[in-house]
């Protein structure tokens, strides 16, 4: 599958060859951040450009870091993960959000997807699988735990998105 120029720009993949996908990590536990950062930085296609331990801290850092993807725990003790996700979805729709959470029942998956997450992955996901799953999410795949009955579409398509899809289908 090849991506159109519009798709590549939308997902931050219109960078020159050899440029790595920019990833931000948000989790209240520094050990979680460090472990995930190590795995992502070992990937040849990604680099960690920002870390934060709360949604509030992440909002302050986001404009300078300019990540393509944010991998985060939506349910941190500070309680600002879902609010952060909703703000990013509203203000920076070009950024792909991926939940990496200890909570992955249907209600939590539905809430995170409703806040704009492209994926909801359990923290039990093997570390070596995460770079590929993050990349799939950035390319538009909506991933969620097996057996989850939560809705998979983040938000309804806008009129403009439907127009772009129609043009793409006609090869324009």
Protein backbone atom coordinates (compact mmCIF):
# COMPACT_ATOMS: atom_id res chain seq x y z
CA UNK A 1 0.00 0.00 0.00
CA UNK A 2 1.29 3.44 -0.85
CA UNK A 3 0.10 6.58 0.81
CA UNK A 4 -1.02 9.64 -1.08
CA UNK A 5 0.77 12.94 -0.53
CA UNK A 6 -2.19 14.08 1.58
CA UNK A 7 -2.00 10.96 3.78
CA UNK A 8 1.76 11.28 4.18
CA UNK A 9 1.49 14.93 5.26
CA UNK A 10 -1.43 14.20 7.59
CA UNK A 11 0.54 11.52 9.41
CA UNK A 12 3.86 13.37 9.53
CA UNK A 13 5.42 10.98 7.02
CA UNK A 14 6.21 13.55 4.33
CA UNK A 15 9.68 14.01 5.75
CA UNK A 16 12.82 13.41 3.68
CA UNK A 17 14.00 9.80 3.39
CA UNK A 18 15.93 8.67 6.45
CA UNK A 19 14.06 11.04 8.76
CA UNK A 20 12.60 9.29 11.78
CA UNK A 21 9.02 9.51 13.06
CA UNK A 22 8.90 11.86 16.06
CA UNK A 23 7.36 10.27 19.18
CA UNK A 24 6.33 11.77 22.52
CA UNK A 25 5.78 9.60 25.59
CA UNK A 26 3.52 10.56 28.50
CA UNK A 27 3.24 8.40 31.60
CA UNK A 28 3.29 9.15 35.31
CA UNK A 29 5.98 6.52 35.92
CA UNK A 30 9.52 7.45 34.80
CA UNK A 31 10.51 3.76 34.52
CA UNK A 32 7.67 3.22 32.01
CA UNK A 33 8.88 6.21 30.00
CA UNK A 34 12.51 5.07 30.06
CA UNK A 35 11.72 1.51 28.97
CA UNK A 36 9.50 2.59 26.10
CA UNK A 37 11.94 5.33 25.04
CA UNK A 38 14.76 2.78 24.87
CA UNK A 39 12.73 0.50 22.56
CA UNK A 40 11.56 3.37 20.34
CA UNK A 41 15.04 4.89 20.05
CA UNK A 42 16.41 1.49 18.99
CA UNK A 43 14.01 1.54 16.07
CA UNK A 44 15.51 2.84 12.85
CA UNK A 45 12.30 4.65 11.94
CA UNK A 46 11.44 6.48 15.20
CA UNK A 47 12.93 8.82 17.75
CA UNK A 48 11.66 10.11 21.10
CA UNK A 49 11.44 13.91 21.01
CA UNK A 50 9.53 14.54 24.23
CA UNK A 51 8.62 12.93 27.52
CA UNK A 52 6.25 14.12 30.23
CA UNK A 53 4.73 12.78 33.43
CA UNK A 54 1.36 14.57 33.10
CA UNK A 55 -0.96 15.98 30.49
CA UNK A 56 -0.38 19.50 31.77
CA UNK A 57 3.40 19.16 31.39
CA UNK A 58 2.93 17.64 27.92
CA UNK A 59 0.75 20.54 26.74
CA UNK A 60 3.53 22.95 27.69
CA UNK A 61 6.17 20.95 25.80
CA UNK A 62 4.13 19.91 22.76
CA UNK A 63 4.53 23.03 20.55
CA UNK A 64 8.34 22.86 20.78
CA UNK A 65 8.65 19.07 20.36
CA UNK A 66 6.26 18.78 17.38
CA UNK A 67 5.76 15.00 17.62
CA UNK A 68 4.04 12.95 14.93
CA UNK A 69 2.76 10.48 17.52
CA UNK A 70 2.02 10.68 21.25
CA UNK A 71 2.08 7.40 23.20
CA UNK A 72 0.41 7.91 26.56
CA UNK A 73 -1.35 6.52 29.61
CA UNK A 74 -4.76 8.21 29.59
CA UNK A 75 -5.52 7.40 33.24
CA UNK A 76 -2.73 9.00 35.24
CA UNK A 77 -3.25 9.99 38.88
CA UNK A 78 -3.28 13.67 37.91
CA UNK A 79 -6.44 12.85 35.99
CA UNK A 80 -5.51 14.93 32.98
CA UNK A 81 -4.73 12.31 30.34
CA UNK A 82 -8.15 12.21 28.67
CA UNK A 83 -8.38 16.02 28.81
CA UNK A 84 -4.93 16.23 27.19
CA UNK A 85 -6.01 13.80 24.44
CA UNK A 86 -9.17 15.79 23.72
CA UNK A 87 -7.18 19.05 23.56
CA UNK A 88 -4.59 17.58 21.18
CA UNK A 89 -7.33 16.11 18.97
CA UNK A 90 -8.96 19.54 18.80
CA UNK A 91 -5.85 21.72 18.46
CA UNK A 92 -3.37 19.40 16.69
CA UNK A 93 -5.37 16.89 14.61
CA UNK A 94 -2.22 15.99 12.67
CA UNK A 95 -0.80 14.25 15.77
CA UNK A 96 -1.66 10.58 16.19
CA UNK A 97 -2.56 9.56 19.75
CA UNK A 98 -1.88 6.05 21.05
CA UNK A 99 -3.08 4.90 24.47
CA UNK A 100 -0.75 2.48 26.24
CA UNK A 101 -2.73 1.69 29.33
CA UNK A 102 -3.12 -0.61 32.29
CA UNK A 103 -6.90 -0.27 31.82
CA UNK A 104 -8.31 -1.91 28.71
CA UNK A 105 -11.88 -2.95 29.41
CA UNK A 106 -14.59 -1.85 26.96
CA UNK A 107 -15.51 1.31 28.89
CA UNK A 108 -11.93 2.59 29.09
CA UNK A 109 -11.22 1.72 25.45
CA UNK A 110 -14.40 3.53 24.36
CA UNK A 111 -13.48 6.59 26.43
CA UNK A 112 -9.95 6.80 25.06
CA UNK A 113 -11.10 6.28 21.46
CA UNK A 114 -13.80 8.90 22.03
CA UNK A 115 -11.12 11.36 23.19
CA UNK A 116 -9.30 10.90 19.88
CA UNK A 117 -6.96 7.95 20.38
CA UNK A 118 -6.10 6.07 17.18
CA UNK A 119 -5.16 3.02 19.21
CA UNK A 120 -5.61 1.61 22.69
CA UNK A 121 -2.92 -0.91 23.59
CA UNK A 122 -2.62 -2.76 26.91
CA UNK A 123 0.62 -2.29 28.85
CA UNK A 124 0.99 -6.07 28.64
CA UNK A 125 1.85 -5.66 24.92
CA UNK A 126 5.38 -7.02 24.34
CA UNK A 127 7.85 -4.12 24.13
CA UNK A 128 9.35 -5.41 20.88
CA UNK A 129 5.90 -5.16 19.21
CA UNK A 130 5.29 -1.52 20.16
CA UNK A 131 7.28 0.27 17.41
CA UNK A 132 5.36 -1.59 14.67
CA UNK A 133 2.01 -0.97 16.39
CA UNK A 134 2.79 2.72 16.85
CA UNK A 135 3.75 2.99 13.18
CA UNK A 136 0.53 1.21 12.11
CA UNK A 137 -1.46 3.70 14.17
CA UNK A 138 0.35 6.63 12.56
CA UNK A 139 -0.57 5.18 9.17
CA UNK A 140 -4.25 5.20 10.11
CA UNK A 141 -4.91 1.79 11.70
CA UNK A 142 -7.27 1.95 14.67
CA UNK A 143 -5.98 -0.66 17.08
CA UNK A 144 -7.63 -1.90 20.26
CA UNK A 145 -7.38 -4.94 22.53
CA UNK A 146 -8.78 -8.22 21.26
CA UNK A 147 -12.35 -8.79 22.32
CA UNK A 148 -13.01 -5.13 22.97
CA UNK A 149 -16.49 -4.17 21.86
CA UNK A 150 -15.65 -0.46 21.87
CA UNK A 151 -16.33 1.55 18.76
CA UNK A 152 -13.33 1.83 16.47
CA UNK A 153 -13.96 5.16 14.73
CA UNK A 154 -12.54 8.10 16.68
CA UNK A 155 -14.71 10.83 15.18
CA UNK A 156 -17.07 11.11 12.23
CA UNK A 157 -15.48 12.15 8.96
CA UNK A 158 -15.74 15.83 8.20
CA UNK A 159 -17.16 17.03 4.89
CA UNK A 160 -13.62 17.86 3.74
CA UNK A 161 -12.35 14.37 4.67
CA UNK A 162 -15.19 12.79 2.68
CA UNK A 163 -14.33 15.01 -0.31
CA UNK A 164 -10.66 14.02 -0.11
CA UNK A 165 -11.61 10.32 0.08
CA UNK A 166 -13.85 10.68 -2.98
CA UNK A 167 -11.03 12.37 -4.92
CA UNK A 168 -8.54 9.69 -3.81
CA UNK A 169 -10.94 6.95 -4.89
CA UNK A 170 -11.07 8.53 -8.36
CA UNK A 171 -7.26 8.67 -8.45
CA UNK A 172 -6.96 12.44 -8.20
